[in-house]
Amino acid sequence: MNNTPKRAEDILKEQINGFHQYILSDTVALCYVSKSLCDLTGYAEDELLDESNDLYSSLIHPDDLKVYSSLFEKLLNGKDHASAKYHIKRKDNTLLYVLDSLSAIKLEDGTLLASSYLTDISEFESENDPVISNDKSIRYLKALSEVYDKIFEFNTSNNTIKCLYSNNSSMFKHFENIPMSLDEALEKWIMDSVDKEDVETVRAFFSDFSLNKFLKPDAKPPQITYKALSSDHVLRQYGGIFINVSESIGYYCCRRIHESEEVNDLKDQNLQLKEKMIHPANIIDVTQIPELNVFEIKEGEGGIIWNTQGSGK
């Protein structure tokens, strides 16, 4: 659909970023969209044009709808030009921060035609733009949640911790997005859940965070492995990592290490050990070792003995 006849300047309009036109009457509706607007938003022409509805307005961030509407109020009240900044959501769900500049003219039949062009200012405004920053945080957390079972926000500026994400089976699900005292909540979790053998190691790990050792720009993301009670009250092994987000905020992400991963790690260690077995008394015919599910190594009179539980003979 294209209700506006092609004119000589249409060639120029195609080169203007985000160019589009509205017919302003009792309703506001797009009557022309350029290829550059389609490229900017990710939508095709027929997804934006409608004779009676402003489909473009569905792209506007809810917090910015009043700003967007005010543009047309100014033009309908006799202004020749109007401009405003607002956010639009592209078809791929990413947000753009745009500067919309409109001008209005009356056609020979009295129809009010508004021409608009958009400038993408996301790159220049994103650092100070809470909407863009929040959108990036949401997308970042979503990506992290596909890898980790739980994500906690540690905030040193107000000394709080809160659970940002936990899988459905987690006991932390009921406490999502509720800030708690960092020291109190952390110590309670350590004492109630962490295996006694790992308590001091875990406490020292988080103590380093409290001293801001993990938030230095050049610091590598610190990692830790420990055993703790799961939501079904079984002692399991977990791996955690701290990710630096800002000067005062860090994300602690953790996930359960499944037995298959533990077995693979142990197999790697065992393979390294085999390579070191150069003494004749310790040489083993590795072709005779069965496929192992659970295994350990211990010293015996004849050298190394493999104690296995698996598909051996």
Protein backbone atom coordinates (compact mmCIF):
# COMPACT_ATOMS: atom_id res chain seq x y z
CA MET A 1 0.00 0.00 0.00
CA ASN A 2 1.32 3.44 -0.87
CA ASN A 3 -1.15 6.34 -0.91
CA THR A 4 1.36 9.05 -1.77
CA PRO A 5 2.28 9.44 -5.47
CA LYS A 6 5.96 9.27 -6.30
CA ARG A 7 7.45 12.71 -6.76
CA ALA A 8 10.82 13.92 -8.02
CA GLU A 9 12.14 14.32 -4.50
CA ASP A 10 11.24 10.72 -3.63
CA ILE A 11 14.69 9.68 -4.79
CA LEU A 12 16.15 11.96 -2.13
CA LYS A 13 13.69 10.73 0.50
CA GLU A 14 14.88 7.18 0.01
CA GLN A 15 18.31 8.36 1.14
CA ILE A 16 17.03 10.06 4.32
CA ASN A 17 17.35 7.92 7.42
CA GLY A 18 14.04 6.43 8.52
CA PHE A 19 11.93 8.64 6.27
CA HIS A 20 8.14 8.19 6.49
CA GLN A 21 4.96 10.23 6.09
CA TYR A 22 1.64 10.50 7.92
CA ILE A 23 -1.81 11.73 7.00
CA LEU A 24 -3.05 13.76 9.99
CA SER A 25 -6.80 13.90 10.46
CA ASP A 26 -9.05 12.53 13.17
CA THR A 27 -6.60 9.65 13.27
CA VAL A 28 -2.88 9.40 12.61
CA ALA A 29 -1.83 6.84 10.00
CA LEU A 30 1.28 6.20 7.99
CA CYS A 31 0.82 6.68 4.27
CA TYR A 32 4.40 6.20 3.09
CA VAL A 33 7.44 4.37 4.41
CA SER A 34 10.89 4.30 2.88
CA LYS A 35 13.21 1.36 2.58
CA SER A 36 15.51 3.02 5.13
CA LEU A 37 12.71 2.94 7.75
CA CYS A 38 12.09 -0.74 7.00
CA ASP A 39 15.81 -1.43 7.37
CA LEU A 40 15.93 0.53 10.62
CA THR A 41 12.95 -1.21 12.24
CA GLY A 42 13.25 -4.65 10.64
CA TYR A 43 9.63 -4.54 9.45
CA ALA A 44 8.39 -4.80 5.88
CA GLU A 45 6.33 -2.04 4.26
CA ASP A 46 3.05 -3.95 4.51
CA GLU A 47 3.65 -4.49 8.24
CA LEU A 48 3.74 -0.74 8.85
CA LEU A 49 1.12 0.72 6.50
CA ASP A 50 -2.56 0.86 7.33
CA GLU A 51 -5.19 3.35 6.16
CA SER A 52 -6.88 3.73 9.53
CA ASN A 53 -4.37 2.74 12.22
CA ASP A 54 -0.93 3.96 13.22
CA LEU A 55 0.89 0.63 13.25
CA TYR A 56 4.20 2.39 13.82
CA SER A 57 3.02 3.45 17.29
CA SER A 58 3.06 -0.20 18.37
CA LEU A 59 6.85 -0.04 18.08
CA ILE A 60 7.13 2.82 20.58
CA HIS A 61 8.31 1.95 24.08
CA PRO A 62 5.34 2.29 26.51
CA ASP A 63 7.17 4.92 28.57
CA ASP A 64 7.54 7.11 25.48
CA LEU A 65 4.01 7.00 24.02
CA LYS A 66 3.09 10.40 25.50
CA VAL A 67 6.20 11.96 23.98
CA TYR A 68 5.36 10.41 20.61
CA SER A 69 1.73 11.61 20.73
CA SER A 70 2.79 15.14 21.66
CA LEU A 71 4.53 15.47 18.29
CA PHE A 72 1.22 15.25 16.42
CA GLU A 73 -0.59 17.46 18.92
CA LYS A 74 1.89 20.23 18.12
CA LEU A 75 1.46 19.79 14.37
CA LEU A 76 -2.34 19.63 14.59
CA ASN A 77 -2.28 22.81 16.69
CA GLY A 78 -0.54 24.74 13.93
CA LYS A 79 3.16 24.09 14.50
CA ASP A 80 5.22 23.60 11.34
CA HIS A 81 7.91 21.52 13.00
CA ALA A 82 8.26 19.23 16.01
CA SER A 83 10.92 16.89 17.28
CA ALA A 84 11.40 14.46 20.15
CA LYS A 85 13.51 11.56 21.35
CA TYR A 86 11.96 8.17 22.07
CA HIS A 87 12.63 4.44 21.98
CA ILE A 88 11.39 1.96 19.40
CA LYS A 89 11.52 -1.80 19.52
CA ARG A 90 12.81 -3.42 16.36
CA LYS A 91 11.39 -6.66 15.03
CA ASP A 92 14.29 -8.59 16.60
CA ASN A 93 13.26 -7.09 19.99
CA THR A 94 16.33 -4.87 20.30
CA LEU A 95 15.73 -1.26 21.36
CA LEU A 96 16.77 1.83 19.45
CA TYR A 97 16.87 5.38 20.78
CA VAL A 98 15.88 7.75 18.00
CA LEU A 99 15.49 11.46 17.33
CA ASP A 100 12.28 12.02 15.35
CA SER A 101 12.04 15.28 13.39
CA LEU A 102 8.70 16.12 11.75
CA SER A 103 7.46 18.89 9.50
CA ALA A 104 3.88 19.46 8.29
CA ILE A 105 2.42 20.94 5.11
CA LYS A 106 -1.13 21.28 3.79
CA LEU A 107 -1.83 19.70 0.44
CA GLU A 108 -4.10 21.36 -2.17
CA ASP A 109 -7.10 19.40 -0.92
CA GLY A 110 -6.50 20.59 2.66
CA THR A 111 -5.00 17.30 3.86
CA LEU A 112 -2.31 17.76 6.48
CA LEU A 113 0.77 15.76 5.51
CA ALA A 114 3.54 15.20 8.08
CA SER A 115 6.99 14.12 6.95
CA SER A 116 9.33 12.49 9.44
CA TYR A 117 12.88 11.26 9.49
CA LEU A 118 14.57 9.31 12.26
CA THR A 119 18.15 9.54 13.46
CA ASP A 120 19.43 6.57 15.44
CA ILE A 121 21.17 8.08 18.48
CA SER A 122 21.50 4.85 20.46
CA GLU A 123 25.28 4.78 20.13
CA PHE A 124 25.67 8.29 21.52
CA GLU A 125 23.03 8.16 24.25
CA SER A 126 23.08 4.54 25.44
CA GLU A 127 25.47 5.07 28.38
CA ASN A 128 23.17 7.66 29.96
CA ASP A 129 19.91 6.11 28.77
CA PRO A 130 18.19 4.03 31.49
CA VAL A 131 15.81 2.35 29.04
CA ILE A 132 18.61 1.13 26.77
CA SER A 133 20.74 0.13 29.76
CA ASN A 134 17.86 -1.80 31.29
CA ASP A 135 17.15 -3.55 27.99
CA LYS A 136 20.80 -4.58 27.67
CA SER A 137 20.78 -5.90 31.25
CA ILE A 138 17.67 -7.98 30.58
CA ARG A 139 19.17 -9.49 27.44
CA TYR A 140 22.48 -10.16 29.25
CA LEU A 141 20.72 -11.89 32.13
CA LYS A 142 18.69 -13.98 29.71
CA ALA A 143 21.88 -15.17 28.05
CA LEU A 144 23.48 -15.98 31.41
CA SER A 145 20.36 -17.87 32.56
CA GLU A 146 20.79 -20.28 29.66
CA VAL A 147 24.13 -21.36 31.16
CA TYR A 148 23.77 -20.95 34.93
CA ASP A 149 21.20 -22.23 37.45
CA LYS A 150 21.31 -19.13 39.67
CA ILE A 151 22.42 -15.52 39.27
CA PHE A 152 22.92 -13.15 42.20
CA GLU A 153 23.61 -9.42 42.15
CA PHE A 154 26.20 -8.25 44.70
CA ASN A 155 26.06 -4.50 45.29
CA THR A 156 28.90 -3.04 47.34
CA SER A 157 27.51 0.51 47.28
CA ASN A 158 24.58 -0.42 49.53
CA ASN A 159 25.95 -3.76 50.81
CA THR A 160 23.07 -5.85 49.47
CA ILE A 161 22.58 -9.08 47.60
CA LYS A 162 19.56 -10.20 45.61
CA CYS A 163 18.70 -13.20 43.50
CA LEU A 164 18.11 -12.11 39.90
CA TYR A 165 17.41 -15.58 38.50
CA SER A 166 16.97 -19.10 39.80
CA ASN A 167 15.65 -22.19 38.09
CA ASN A 168 12.18 -23.38 39.01
CA SER A 169 13.41 -26.06 41.40
CA SER A 170 15.52 -23.65 43.44
CA MET A 171 14.67 -22.54 46.97
CA PHE A 172 15.72 -19.03 45.92
CA LYS A 173 12.77 -18.67 43.52
CA HIS A 174 10.66 -17.09 46.27
CA PHE A 175 13.32 -14.44 46.95
CA GLU A 176 13.98 -13.18 43.43
CA ASN A 177 14.61 -9.42 43.16
CA ILE A 178 14.36 -8.89 46.93
CA PRO A 179 17.45 -7.04 48.27
CA MET A 180 18.90 -8.51 51.46
CA SER A 181 21.76 -7.57 53.73
CA LEU A 182 24.88 -8.92 52.03
CA ASP A 183 26.82 -10.07 55.09
CA GLU A 184 23.83 -11.55 56.90
CA ALA A 185 22.36 -13.42 53.91
CA LEU A 186 25.75 -14.72 52.76
CA GLU A 187 26.77 -16.03 56.17
CA LYS A 188 23.40 -17.73 56.67
CA TRP A 189 23.69 -19.48 53.30
CA ILE A 190 27.28 -20.55 53.97
CA MET A 191 26.45 -21.98 57.39
CA ASP A 192 23.17 -23.64 56.33
CA SER A 193 24.10 -25.05 52.93
CA VAL A 194 27.84 -25.27 52.20
CA ASP A 195 29.67 -28.50 53.04
CA LYS A 196 31.70 -28.09 56.23
CA GLU A 197 34.92 -28.96 54.39
CA ASP A 198 34.37 -26.06 51.99
CA VAL A 199 33.05 -23.41 54.40
CA GLU A 200 36.34 -21.55 54.93
CA THR A 201 37.22 -21.62 51.23
CA VAL A 202 33.82 -20.25 50.25
CA ARG A 203 33.88 -17.63 53.00
CA ALA A 204 37.33 -16.42 51.86
CA PHE A 205 36.13 -16.32 48.23
CA PHE A 206 33.24 -13.98 49.04
CA SER A 207 35.36 -12.00 51.48
CA ASP A 208 37.62 -11.06 48.55
CA PHE A 209 34.55 -9.73 46.77
CA SER A 210 33.62 -7.62 49.79
CA LEU A 211 37.08 -6.07 49.63
CA ASN A 212 36.47 -5.20 45.94
CA LYS A 213 39.25 -7.47 44.76
CA PHE A 214 36.97 -8.91 42.06
CA LEU A 215 35.77 -5.60 40.66
CA LYS A 216 39.08 -4.26 39.42
CA PRO A 217 39.00 -3.64 35.64
CA ASP A 218 42.04 -5.82 34.95
CA ALA A 219 40.97 -8.68 37.26
CA LYS A 220 40.10 -12.03 35.70
CA PRO A 221 36.67 -13.47 36.56
CA PRO A 222 37.31 -15.53 39.72
CA GLN A 223 35.89 -19.03 39.91
CA ILE A 224 35.22 -21.50 42.70
CA THR A 225 34.07 -25.10 43.08
CA TYR A 226 32.39 -26.31 46.25
CA LYS A 227 29.79 -28.71 47.64
CA ALA A 228 26.48 -27.50 49.03
CA LEU A 229 23.00 -28.76 49.77
CA SER A 230 20.66 -28.59 46.80
CA SER A 231 16.95 -27.76 47.01
CA ASP A 232 16.24 -31.48 47.47
CA HIS A 233 18.66 -31.51 50.47
CA VAL A 234 21.32 -33.58 48.72
CA LEU A 235 24.98 -32.57 48.90
CA ARG A 236 26.06 -31.74 45.35
CA GLN A 237 29.00 -30.05 43.67
CA TYR A 238 28.64 -26.55 42.25
CA GLY A 239 30.78 -24.21 40.21
CA GLY A 240 30.56 -20.42 40.52
CA ILE A 241 32.01 -17.36 38.81
CA PHE A 242 31.99 -13.62 39.53
CA ILE A 243 31.34 -11.30 36.58
CA ASN A 244 32.19 -7.62 36.88
CA VAL A 245 29.24 -5.45 35.79
CA SER A 246 30.17 -2.01 37.13
CA GLU A 247 32.31 -0.35 39.80
CA SER A 248 29.93 -1.42 42.54
CA ILE A 249 27.99 -4.34 41.06
CA GLY A 250 29.02 -7.90 40.32
CA TYR A 251 27.05 -10.95 39.24
CA TYR A 252 27.74 -14.23 40.98
CA CYS A 253 26.62 -17.04 38.66
CA CYS A 254 26.62 -20.68 39.69
CA ARG A 255 25.48 -24.02 38.38
CA ARG A 256 25.48 -27.60 39.47
CA ILE A 257 28.35 -29.73 38.18
CA HIS A 258 26.77 -32.97 37.05
CA GLU A 259 28.34 -36.34 37.71
CA SER A 260 29.23 -36.83 34.06
CA GLU A 261 31.40 -33.70 34.20
CA GLU A 262 33.03 -34.89 37.42
CA VAL A 263 33.77 -38.29 35.88
CA ASN A 264 35.25 -36.68 32.76
CA ASP A 265 37.48 -34.47 34.89
CA LEU A 266 38.63 -37.49 36.88
CA LYS A 267 39.28 -39.45 33.68
CA ASP A 268 41.49 -36.61 32.44
CA GLN A 269 43.43 -36.70 35.69
CA ASN A 270 43.75 -40.47 35.43
CA LEU A 271 45.04 -40.25 31.86
CA GLN A 272 47.69 -37.80 32.99
CA LEU A 273 48.63 -40.21 35.75
CA LYS A 274 48.94 -43.12 33.31
CA GLU A 275 51.43 -41.14 31.24
CA LYS A 276 53.63 -40.81 34.33
CA MET A 277 53.65 -44.56 35.05
CA ILE A 278 57.09 -45.31 33.66
CA HIS A 279 58.30 -47.67 36.43
CA PRO A 280 57.99 -51.32 35.33
CA ALA A 281 56.16 -52.26 38.53
CA ASN A 282 53.49 -49.67 37.74
CA ILE A 283 52.97 -50.36 34.04
CA ILE A 284 49.38 -51.35 33.28
CA ASP A 285 47.93 -52.73 30.06
CA VAL A 286 45.36 -49.98 29.48
CA THR A 287 43.54 -52.10 26.88
CA GLN A 288 42.43 -54.36 29.71
CA ILE A 289 40.87 -51.56 31.75
CA PRO A 290 37.07 -51.69 31.43
CA GLU A 291 34.88 -48.70 30.62
CA LEU A 292 34.51 -46.97 33.98
CA ASN A 293 31.49 -45.34 35.55
CA VAL A 294 32.81 -44.89 39.09
CA PHE A 295 36.48 -45.46 39.86
CA GLU A 296 39.32 -44.57 42.15
CA ILE A 297 43.06 -45.14 42.34
CA LYS A 298 44.89 -46.52 45.36
CA GLU A 299 48.31 -47.95 46.09
CA GLY A 300 48.68 -51.74 46.43
CA GLU A 301 51.51 -54.18 46.83
CA GLY A 302 51.83 -54.59 43.10
CA GLY A 303 51.71 -50.89 42.37
CA ILE A 304 48.62 -48.89 41.26
CA ILE A 305 45.26 -50.66 41.66
CA TRP A 306 42.11 -49.47 39.87
CA ASN A 307 39.02 -49.95 41.97
CA THR A 308 36.10 -49.89 39.54
CA GLN A 309 32.35 -50.15 39.44
CA GLY A 310 31.21 -50.32 35.88
CA SER A 311 31.05 -52.51 32.83
CA GLY A 312 34.27 -54.39 33.66
CA LYS A 313 34.89 -58.09 33.59
